[in-house]
Every structure is written in C-alpha cells, then in structure tokens.
Amino acid sequence: MQKILVGLKRVVDYNVRVRVKSDGSGVETDGVKMSINPFDEIALEEALRIKESGQAAEVIVISVGTGDAQQQLRTGLAMGADRAILVESEGSVGSLGIARIFKSIIDRDSIDLVLLGKQAIDDDNSQTGQMLAAIWGRPQATFASQVEWNGDKAKVTREVDAGLEITEVDLPAVVTVDLRLNEPRYVKLPDIMKAKKKPLETIAMADLGVDPGPEIKELSFEPPAERERGVMVDDVAGLVAALKDKGLA
C-alpha cells in the first residue's frame, strides 16, 4: 500500500470532567483542554507502525471542523504523520457528512487504507467507518484489537460481545480500531518543532462539493442525575423490603 488516511477528531480531553452549560445548550468548552479522540490516536499509531515497517509510503491525517482543529492535526504531525488536511466547517457535520468528505479525499489522493477510531468519546456514534465503507464500496473491519498486515490483505481480530472474532479483508479497506490495539507514542519537543514545517492543507467543505446530509440538532443537554446514597440492610428480608419500597421487587 502507498497511502494511509487517518481521521482525527477534536474532543474534550478524556481527563477533563465534562460540564453542561448553564442554559443547557451544550457542553462547556471555553477554557477546556481539547485533545485528539483517544481511539483516533490509536489509529494513527497503527498507521505509523505500518509505515515504519516499510509497508506504506505516506500517512495523512484529516479532520473536519473549525480552524481550532489545526492544533490536533499538528499533534498528529508531531507523532509522525507526513501531512495533514483540515476540511473547514463552522457547523456540526454528522457521521454521513464526514464519511462523504473522507470519500472525496480518498478519490482525490488515491488512498489505499483508512484507519479510524471505532467511535468518538463525545457522541459515541460509531457510524463513520461503516458508512464510509458502504459509500466507498470496499470491505470493512471494525473494533480491531489486533491486526496482521500482509501485502494486500489484513487479518483483523475483532472484539465482539461473544469474545474475539477473526476476519480477513482485502485492501483497500476501512479498519476501525479499539483500545487494545496499541499504545500511542509520546510526542517529543523536537518532533513538535518539526511538525510546524510539515504541510497542513485547508479546504472549505463547499469546495469539495460534498452533500453533508441531514443536519442533526441537539435540542438540550443535561447532566446525569446524581446517584442516591446507598441503604444498609441487616438481612435478606430487609433487602427485599427496601426493593419493594422503590418499586423494584
């Protein structure tokens, strides 16, 4: 394979406690640390390992969003990606729109493999990879916890509800990755400096001629209900009585 495309989404850092805005219109992001979606970071690490093993020539990272996403793309370049693409969009773009954007770049740049995180930690949709494979007309392997690359084929171990499932796909293909696939590398200061000189292309979504699909609107947000304090019981009869009081038995 020659080129690998890796999607990077800008999300609230997983170490940050998410807070809902006071008016319930969304999640508070002002002054909040933003990072690469953790699953996407694992996808990028896998792409870099493929290139370092001599099985690929170029790793390209792509993100869709505002200009702020350049920060995450630069981090991807510092990790070792060769170039970055930012498709600018001021509004929210759903999974179908993202898949169509990626397909446009695949056609333009002749991509051989697309690696994505299995889901984003902000919306948890887990849809983009599957939609992209359908639009592209190529095989897909999702939730990969182990991958063996062999020329124009990939042997993927998937994590499913019943345990592990092994499947083989022909390339080009879409592979979405799970947490156990690898551990992403740390970015070093010299790599951050080098990343500033790597190409970062900015494209307006309108220039791609892509239909973003139906817009999904979040009407309101609210934090989870606070957990009630536990109740101590003396015996089984007390447990049954407590459950009955709550209408659970």
Protein backbone atom coordinates (compact mmCIF):
# COMPACT_ATOMS: atom_id res chain seq x y z
CA MET A 1 0.00 0.00 0.00
CA GLN A 2 1.11 3.58 -0.60
CA LYS A 3 -1.14 5.97 1.34
CA ILE A 4 -2.97 5.65 4.66
CA LEU A 5 -5.66 8.14 5.70
CA VAL A 6 -6.33 8.59 9.44
CA GLY A 7 -9.24 10.61 10.80
CA LEU A 8 -8.59 12.78 13.88
CA LYS A 9 -11.47 14.33 15.79
CA ARG A 10 -11.10 17.23 18.21
CA VAL A 11 -12.82 16.35 21.51
CA VAL A 12 -12.77 17.40 25.14
CA ASP A 13 -9.80 15.67 26.75
CA TYR A 14 -10.80 12.40 28.43
CA ASN A 15 -9.23 13.53 31.73
CA VAL A 16 -11.50 16.59 31.91
CA ARG A 17 -14.76 16.42 33.83
CA VAL A 18 -17.42 17.39 31.30
CA ARG A 19 -19.80 20.16 32.37
CA VAL A 20 -23.09 21.16 30.79
CA LYS A 21 -23.62 24.86 30.05
CA SER A 22 -25.94 26.66 32.44
CA ASP A 23 -28.55 27.19 29.71
CA GLY A 24 -28.47 23.51 28.68
CA SER A 25 -27.44 24.38 25.12
CA GLY A 26 -24.35 22.18 25.04
CA VAL A 27 -21.15 21.12 26.75
CA GLU A 28 -18.81 23.76 28.20
CA THR A 29 -15.67 24.06 26.06
CA ASP A 30 -14.38 27.56 26.88
CA GLY A 31 -11.03 27.21 28.62
CA VAL A 32 -11.31 23.41 28.49
CA LYS A 33 -8.42 21.25 27.31
CA MET A 34 -9.12 19.70 23.91
CA SER A 35 -7.32 16.65 22.52
CA ILE A 36 -7.34 14.05 19.78
CA ASN A 37 -10.09 11.48 20.27
CA PRO A 38 -8.24 8.61 22.06
CA PHE A 39 -9.42 5.95 19.60
CA ASP A 40 -8.20 8.09 16.68
CA GLU A 41 -4.82 8.42 18.36
CA ILE A 42 -4.56 4.63 18.42
CA ALA A 43 -5.49 4.52 14.72
CA LEU A 44 -2.68 6.98 13.95
CA GLU A 45 -0.17 4.95 15.96
CA GLU A 46 -1.09 1.86 13.94
CA ALA A 47 -0.66 3.77 10.68
CA LEU A 48 2.77 4.99 11.76
CA ARG A 49 3.84 1.47 12.68
CA ILE A 50 2.74 0.22 9.25
CA LYS A 51 4.83 2.92 7.58
CA GLU A 52 7.84 2.27 9.81
CA SER A 53 7.70 -1.42 8.86
CA GLY A 54 8.06 -0.42 5.20
CA GLN A 55 4.51 -1.39 4.20
CA ALA A 56 3.31 2.16 3.43
CA ALA A 57 4.85 5.30 1.96
CA GLU A 58 2.72 8.11 3.44
CA VAL A 59 0.43 8.73 6.41
CA ILE A 60 -2.13 11.53 6.04
CA VAL A 61 -4.23 12.86 8.92
CA ILE A 62 -7.56 14.60 8.33
CA SER A 63 -10.03 16.48 10.49
CA VAL A 64 -13.35 18.22 9.85
CA GLY A 65 -14.28 21.32 11.86
CA THR A 66 -13.18 24.84 12.66
CA GLY A 67 -9.66 26.20 12.46
CA ASP A 68 -9.13 25.16 16.09
CA ALA A 69 -8.72 21.57 14.88
CA GLN A 70 -5.33 22.56 13.47
CA GLN A 71 -3.96 22.01 16.98
CA GLN A 72 -4.89 18.32 16.90
CA LEU A 73 -3.62 17.94 13.34
CA ARG A 74 -0.27 19.43 14.36
CA THR A 75 -0.13 16.91 17.18
CA GLY A 76 -0.73 14.18 14.62
CA LEU A 77 2.11 15.57 12.50
CA ALA A 78 4.35 15.65 15.56
CA MET A 79 3.58 11.98 16.20
CA GLY A 80 4.90 11.22 12.72
CA ALA A 81 2.23 11.82 10.07
CA ASP A 82 3.57 13.22 6.79
CA ARG A 83 0.88 15.79 6.04
CA ALA A 84 -2.49 16.99 7.28
CA ILE A 85 -5.81 18.08 5.78
CA LEU A 86 -8.35 20.30 7.53
CA VAL A 87 -11.80 20.46 5.96
CA GLU A 88 -13.25 23.63 7.45
CA SER A 89 -16.85 23.66 8.58
CA GLU A 90 -18.36 26.10 11.04
CA GLY A 91 -21.45 24.00 11.69
CA SER A 92 -21.74 20.48 13.03
CA VAL A 93 -21.30 17.72 10.45
CA GLY A 94 -22.91 14.33 11.07
CA SER A 95 -21.38 10.91 10.51
CA LEU A 96 -22.75 10.64 6.97
CA GLY A 97 -21.29 14.03 6.02
CA ILE A 98 -17.91 13.06 7.48
CA ALA A 99 -17.95 9.79 5.52
CA ARG A 100 -18.71 11.67 2.30
CA ILE A 101 -15.88 14.12 2.95
CA PHE A 102 -13.43 11.27 3.57
CA LYS A 103 -14.59 9.55 0.36
CA SER A 104 -13.88 12.76 -1.59
CA ILE A 105 -10.32 12.86 -0.22
CA ILE A 106 -9.87 9.12 -0.89
CA ASP A 107 -10.72 9.67 -4.55
CA ARG A 108 -8.55 12.77 -4.84
CA ASP A 109 -5.46 11.33 -3.14
CA SER A 110 -5.79 7.63 -4.14
CA ILE A 111 -5.90 6.28 -0.58
CA ASP A 112 -5.17 2.56 -0.02
CA LEU A 113 -6.23 2.21 3.63
CA VAL A 114 -8.39 4.24 6.02
CA LEU A 115 -7.82 3.84 9.77
CA LEU A 116 -10.35 5.36 12.17
CA GLY A 117 -11.13 5.14 15.85
CA LYS A 118 -14.09 2.84 16.49
CA GLN A 119 -16.02 5.80 17.95
CA ALA A 120 -15.60 9.32 19.29
CA ILE A 121 -15.82 9.83 23.05
CA ASP A 122 -18.12 12.84 22.70
CA ASP A 123 -21.04 11.40 20.71
CA ASP A 124 -20.24 7.64 20.81
CA ASN A 125 -21.95 7.14 17.44
CA SER A 126 -19.59 4.50 15.98
CA GLN A 127 -21.00 5.13 12.50
CA THR A 128 -18.47 6.93 10.31
CA GLY A 129 -16.27 3.93 9.45
CA GLN A 130 -19.23 1.76 8.49
CA MET A 131 -20.82 4.49 6.37
CA LEU A 132 -17.53 5.24 4.63
CA ALA A 133 -17.02 1.57 3.71
CA ALA A 134 -20.53 1.44 2.23
CA ILE A 135 -20.05 4.64 0.20
CA TRP A 136 -16.59 3.56 -0.94
CA GLY A 137 -17.76 0.06 -1.83
CA ARG A 138 -14.81 -1.51 -0.01
CA PRO A 139 -14.51 -4.07 2.85
CA GLN A 140 -14.56 -3.01 6.49
CA ALA A 141 -13.28 -4.47 9.76
CA THR A 142 -14.47 -2.76 12.93
CA PHE A 143 -13.39 -2.83 16.59
CA ALA A 144 -9.91 -4.16 15.75
CA SER A 145 -7.85 -5.24 18.78
CA GLN A 146 -5.12 -6.88 16.68
CA VAL A 147 -4.18 -6.58 13.01
CA GLU A 148 -1.73 -8.52 10.85
CA TRP A 149 -0.84 -6.77 7.60
CA ASN A 150 0.16 -9.00 4.69
CA GLY A 151 0.55 -7.18 1.39
CA ASP A 152 -2.91 -6.50 0.01
CA LYS A 153 -4.73 -8.26 2.86
CA ALA A 154 -5.36 -7.59 6.54
CA LYS A 155 -6.18 -10.21 9.17
CA VAL A 156 -8.17 -8.47 11.89
CA THR A 157 -9.06 -9.73 15.36
CA ARG A 158 -12.27 -8.01 16.44
CA GLU A 159 -13.74 -7.58 19.90
CA VAL A 160 -17.40 -8.59 19.84
CA ASP A 161 -19.97 -9.35 22.55
CA ALA A 162 -19.26 -13.09 22.38
CA GLY A 163 -15.48 -12.67 22.60
CA LEU A 164 -12.99 -12.43 19.73
CA GLU A 165 -13.73 -12.80 16.03
CA ILE A 166 -11.10 -13.06 13.29
CA THR A 167 -11.82 -11.75 9.81
CA GLU A 168 -9.71 -11.11 6.71
CA VAL A 169 -10.27 -8.21 4.34
CA ASP A 170 -8.76 -7.22 1.01
CA LEU A 171 -7.24 -3.76 0.68
CA PRO A 172 -8.25 -1.02 0.06
CA ALA A 173 -10.42 -1.18 3.16
CA VAL A 174 -11.67 0.68 6.21
CA VAL A 175 -10.48 -0.51 9.63
CA THR A 176 -11.73 0.98 12.89
CA VAL A 177 -9.63 0.33 15.98
CA ASP A 178 -10.23 -0.49 19.62
CA LEU A 179 -8.26 0.44 22.73
CA ARG A 180 -6.23 -2.78 22.98
CA LEU A 181 -4.61 -2.49 19.54
CA ASN A 182 -1.59 -0.49 20.72
CA GLU A 183 -0.33 2.27 22.99
CA PRO A 184 0.25 5.60 21.21
CA ARG A 185 3.71 7.13 21.43
CA TYR A 186 4.52 10.29 23.38
CA VAL A 187 5.23 13.41 21.37
CA LYS A 188 8.71 14.86 21.96
CA LEU A 189 9.65 18.54 21.74
CA PRO A 190 11.91 18.13 18.64
CA ASP A 191 9.01 16.41 16.86
CA ILE A 192 6.69 19.30 17.74
CA MET A 193 9.17 21.73 16.18
CA LYS A 194 9.50 19.58 13.04
CA ALA A 195 5.71 19.37 12.73
CA LYS A 196 5.49 23.13 12.21
CA LYS A 197 7.24 22.70 8.85
CA LYS A 198 5.04 19.85 7.63
CA PRO A 199 2.24 20.69 5.16
CA LEU A 200 -1.24 21.35 6.52
CA GLU A 201 -3.80 21.86 3.76
CA THR A 202 -7.02 23.75 4.49
CA ILE A 203 -10.08 23.11 2.34
CA ALA A 204 -13.54 24.66 2.60
CA MET A 205 -16.18 21.93 2.69
CA ALA A 206 -18.11 23.75 -0.03
CA ASP A 207 -15.11 23.42 -2.35
CA LEU A 208 -15.35 19.63 -2.15
CA GLY A 209 -18.90 19.69 -3.45
CA VAL A 210 -19.95 17.26 -0.73
CA ASP A 211 -23.53 16.92 0.46
CA PRO A 212 -23.26 16.99 4.27
CA GLY A 213 -26.50 15.05 4.59
CA PRO A 214 -29.34 15.75 7.03
CA GLU A 215 -28.37 18.04 9.88
CA ILE A 216 -28.71 16.60 13.35
CA LYS A 217 -29.63 19.13 16.03
CA GLU A 218 -29.13 18.59 19.75
CA LEU A 219 -32.09 20.27 21.39
CA SER A 220 -30.95 20.23 25.00
CA PHE A 221 -28.32 18.83 27.34
CA GLU A 222 -28.48 17.88 30.98
CA PRO A 223 -26.01 16.21 33.35
CA PRO A 224 -26.69 12.70 34.67
CA ALA A 225 -28.84 12.52 37.79
CA GLU A 226 -26.83 12.41 40.99
CA ARG A 227 -26.50 8.95 42.49
CA GLU A 228 -28.58 8.31 45.57
CA ARG A 229 -26.89 7.27 48.78
CA GLY A 230 -26.79 3.55 49.44
CA VAL A 231 -29.01 1.90 52.03
CA MET A 232 -27.65 -0.59 54.59
CA VAL A 233 -29.86 -3.58 55.39
CA ASP A 234 -29.48 -6.20 58.11
CA ASP A 235 -30.69 -9.27 56.25
CA VAL A 236 -32.34 -10.58 53.09
CA ALA A 237 -35.79 -9.67 54.34
CA GLY A 238 -34.63 -6.08 54.78
CA LEU A 239 -33.22 -6.07 51.25
CA VAL A 240 -36.49 -7.31 49.79
CA ALA A 241 -38.44 -4.71 51.75
CA ALA A 242 -36.12 -1.91 50.54
CA LEU A 243 -36.53 -3.05 46.93
CA LYS A 244 -40.31 -3.14 47.30
CA ASP A 245 -40.29 0.42 48.67
CA LYS A 246 -38.54 1.53 45.47
CA GLY A 247 -40.91 -0.46 43.26
CA LEU A 248 -38.12 -2.81 42.14
CA ALA A 249 -39.49 -6.04 43.54
